[in-house]
Amino acid sequence: MVIQKYLGNQYACMEDYNADAGEVAEPYRLVVAVNFPVNFTEDAARRLVSIAANGPRCGVYALVAVDTERPFRTASACATRSTPGLRESSR
């Protein structure tokens, strides 16, 4: 939406738009994730990576605190662990 509404083909990034916009400049936004990857699904992790990769052009920045003691587990691994009688396959 930001690209279509504000940047279009005229501006490369939000900084360029804001330089010309004056008082109607768009605010920057910050997405904060704490304890990543705890409680992140695969889909949520993909979206966070997309925001980190593509957001700066649109004035959106990601600040991510990573818990390096916790490995990322996919949703299927979590489901297997919580299902009685099933074991997670060895890696």
C-alpha atoms as a PDB file:
ATOM      1  CA  MET A   1       0.000   0.000   0.000  1.00  0.00           C
ATOM      2  CA  VAL A   2       2.792   2.430   0.888  1.00  0.00           C
ATOM      3  CA  ILE A   3       4.505   1.786  -2.437  1.00  0.00           C
ATOM      4  CA  GLN A   4       1.299   2.384  -4.386  1.00  0.00           C
ATOM      5  CA  LYS A   5       0.011   5.327  -2.358  1.00  0.00           C
ATOM      6  CA  TYR A   6       3.199   7.257  -1.613  1.00  0.00           C
ATOM      7  CA  LEU A   7       6.215   5.978  -3.517  1.00  0.00           C
ATOM      8  CA  GLY A   8       4.871   4.887  -6.892  1.00  0.00           C
ATOM      9  CA  ASN A   9       7.424   5.305  -9.651  1.00  0.00           C
ATOM     10  CA  GLN A  10       8.506   8.706  -8.360  1.00  0.00           C
ATOM     11  CA  TYR A  11      10.313   7.806  -5.104  1.00  0.00           C
ATOM     12  CA  ALA A  12      12.795   5.029  -4.373  1.00  0.00           C
ATOM     13  CA  CYS A  13      12.093   4.992  -0.637  1.00  0.00           C
ATOM     14  CA  MET A  14      10.148   6.666   2.173  1.00  0.00           C
ATOM     15  CA  GLU A  15      13.073   8.989   2.955  1.00  0.00           C
ATOM     16  CA  ASP A  16      12.848  10.464  -0.546  1.00  0.00           C
ATOM     17  CA  TYR A  17       9.079  10.898  -0.265  1.00  0.00           C
ATOM     18  CA  ASN A  18       9.328  12.524   3.159  1.00  0.00           C
ATOM     19  CA  ALA A  19      12.001  14.951   1.933  1.00  0.00           C
ATOM     20  CA  ASP A  20       9.456  16.366  -0.545  1.00  0.00           C
ATOM     21  CA  ALA A  21       6.322  15.936   1.614  1.00  0.00           C
ATOM     22  CA  GLY A  22       7.116  18.524   4.279  1.00  0.00           C
ATOM     23  CA  GLU A  23       4.359  18.672   6.925  1.00  0.00           C
ATOM     24  CA  VAL A  24       2.480  15.706   5.485  1.00  0.00           C
ATOM     25  CA  ALA A  25       5.486  13.371   5.772  1.00  0.00           C
ATOM     26  CA  GLU A  26       4.677   9.785   6.658  1.00  0.00           C
ATOM     27  CA  PRO A  27       5.875   8.491  10.035  1.00  0.00           C
ATOM     28  CA  TYR A  28       8.371   5.670  10.293  1.00  0.00           C
ATOM     29  CA  ARG A  29       7.183   2.459  11.897  1.00  0.00           C
ATOM     30  CA  LEU A  30       9.012  -0.060  14.052  1.00  0.00           C
ATOM     31  CA  VAL A  31       8.110  -3.732  14.433  1.00  0.00           C
ATOM     32  CA  VAL A  32       9.564  -5.220  17.620  1.00  0.00           C
ATOM     33  CA  ALA A  33       9.843  -8.975  18.193  1.00  0.00           C
ATOM     34  CA  VAL A  34      11.187 -10.257  21.491  1.00  0.00           C
ATOM     35  CA  ASN A  35      12.459 -13.778  22.254  1.00  0.00           C
ATOM     36  CA  PHE A  36      12.408 -14.862  18.622  1.00  0.00           C
ATOM     37  CA  PRO A  37      11.781 -17.743  17.741  1.00  0.00           C
ATOM     38  CA  VAL A  38       9.704 -18.501  20.860  1.00  0.00           C
ATOM     39  CA  ASN A  39       5.990 -18.739  19.916  1.00  0.00           C
ATOM     40  CA  PHE A  40       6.654 -17.979  16.228  1.00  0.00           C
ATOM     41  CA  THR A  41       5.077 -20.223  13.629  1.00  0.00           C
ATOM     42  CA  GLU A  42       6.854 -20.859  10.338  1.00  0.00           C
ATOM     43  CA  ASP A  43       4.455 -18.456   8.634  1.00  0.00           C
ATOM     44  CA  ALA A  44       5.040 -15.727  11.236  1.00  0.00           C
ATOM     45  CA  ALA A  45       8.817 -16.148  10.892  1.00  0.00           C
ATOM     46  CA  ARG A  46       8.563 -15.832   7.097  1.00  0.00           C
ATOM     47  CA  ARG A  47       6.504 -12.659   7.463  1.00  0.00           C
ATOM     48  CA  LEU A  48       9.008 -11.177   9.894  1.00  0.00           C
ATOM     49  CA  VAL A  49      11.843 -11.902   7.447  1.00  0.00           C
ATOM     50  CA  SER A  50       9.810 -10.243   4.690  1.00  0.00           C
ATOM     51  CA  ILE A  51       9.273  -7.145   6.836  1.00  0.00           C
ATOM     52  CA  ALA A  52      12.991  -6.988   7.658  1.00  0.00           C
ATOM     53  CA  ALA A  53      13.939  -7.358   3.985  1.00  0.00           C
ATOM     54  CA  ASN A  54      11.305  -5.154   2.324  1.00  0.00           C
ATOM     55  CA  GLY A  55      10.101  -2.812   5.048  1.00  0.00           C
ATOM     56  CA  PRO A  56      12.872  -0.210   5.106  1.00  0.00           C
ATOM     57  CA  ARG A  57      11.934   1.059   1.647  1.00  0.00           C
ATOM     58  CA  CYS A  58       8.469   1.776   3.041  1.00  0.00           C
ATOM     59  CA  GLY A  59       9.667   3.257   6.326  1.00  0.00           C
ATOM     60  CA  VAL A  60       9.104   0.076   8.362  1.00  0.00           C
ATOM     61  CA  TYR A  61      12.004  -1.295  10.381  1.00  0.00           C
ATOM     62  CA  ALA A  62      12.307  -4.523  12.384  1.00  0.00           C
ATOM     63  CA  LEU A  63      14.021  -4.807  15.744  1.00  0.00           C
ATOM     64  CA  VAL A  64      14.349  -8.477  16.691  1.00  0.00           C
ATOM     65  CA  ALA A  65      15.725  -9.853  19.960  1.00  0.00           C
ATOM     66  CA  VAL A  66      16.719 -13.472  19.313  1.00  0.00           C
ATOM     67  CA  ASP A  67      16.769 -16.101  22.047  1.00  0.00           C
ATOM     68  CA  THR A  68      19.775 -18.131  20.885  1.00  0.00           C
ATOM     69  CA  GLU A  69      19.125 -20.777  23.524  1.00  0.00           C
ATOM     70  CA  ARG A  70      15.852 -21.768  21.860  1.00  0.00           C
ATOM     71  CA  PRO A  71      15.870 -23.572  18.519  1.00  0.00           C
ATOM     72  CA  PHE A  72      13.195 -22.758  15.975  1.00  0.00           C
ATOM     73  CA  ARG A  73      10.611 -25.538  15.836  1.00  0.00           C
ATOM     74  CA  THR A  74       8.130 -25.887  13.038  1.00  0.00           C
ATOM     75  CA  ALA A  75       4.429 -26.233  13.778  1.00  0.00           C
ATOM     76  CA  SER A  76       4.557 -29.925  12.850  1.00  0.00           C
ATOM     77  CA  ALA A  77       7.343 -30.536  15.380  1.00  0.00           C
ATOM     78  CA  CYS A  78       5.289 -28.803  18.079  1.00  0.00           C
ATOM     79  CA  ALA A  79       2.213 -30.865  17.215  1.00  0.00           C
ATOM     80  CA  THR A  80       4.223 -34.094  17.355  1.00  0.00           C
ATOM     81  CA  ARG A  81       5.595 -33.255  20.776  1.00  0.00           C
ATOM     82  CA  SER A  82       2.209 -32.489  22.239  1.00  0.00           C
ATOM     83  CA  THR A  83       0.538 -35.629  20.844  1.00  0.00           C
ATOM     84  CA  PRO A  84       0.762 -38.555  23.309  1.00  0.00           C
ATOM     85  CA  GLY A  85       2.366 -41.659  21.835  1.00  0.00           C
ATOM     86  CA  LEU A  86       4.211 -39.829  19.044  1.00  0.00           C
ATOM     87  CA  ARG A  87       7.899 -38.987  19.114  1.00  0.00           C
ATOM     88  CA  GLU A  88       9.754 -36.317  17.234  1.00  0.00           C
ATOM     89  CA  SER A  89      11.979 -37.824  14.555  1.00  0.00           C
ATOM     90  CA  SER A  90      15.713 -37.632  15.114  1.00  0.00           C
ATOM     91  CA  ARG A  91      17.531 -34.920  13.227  1.00  0.00           C
END
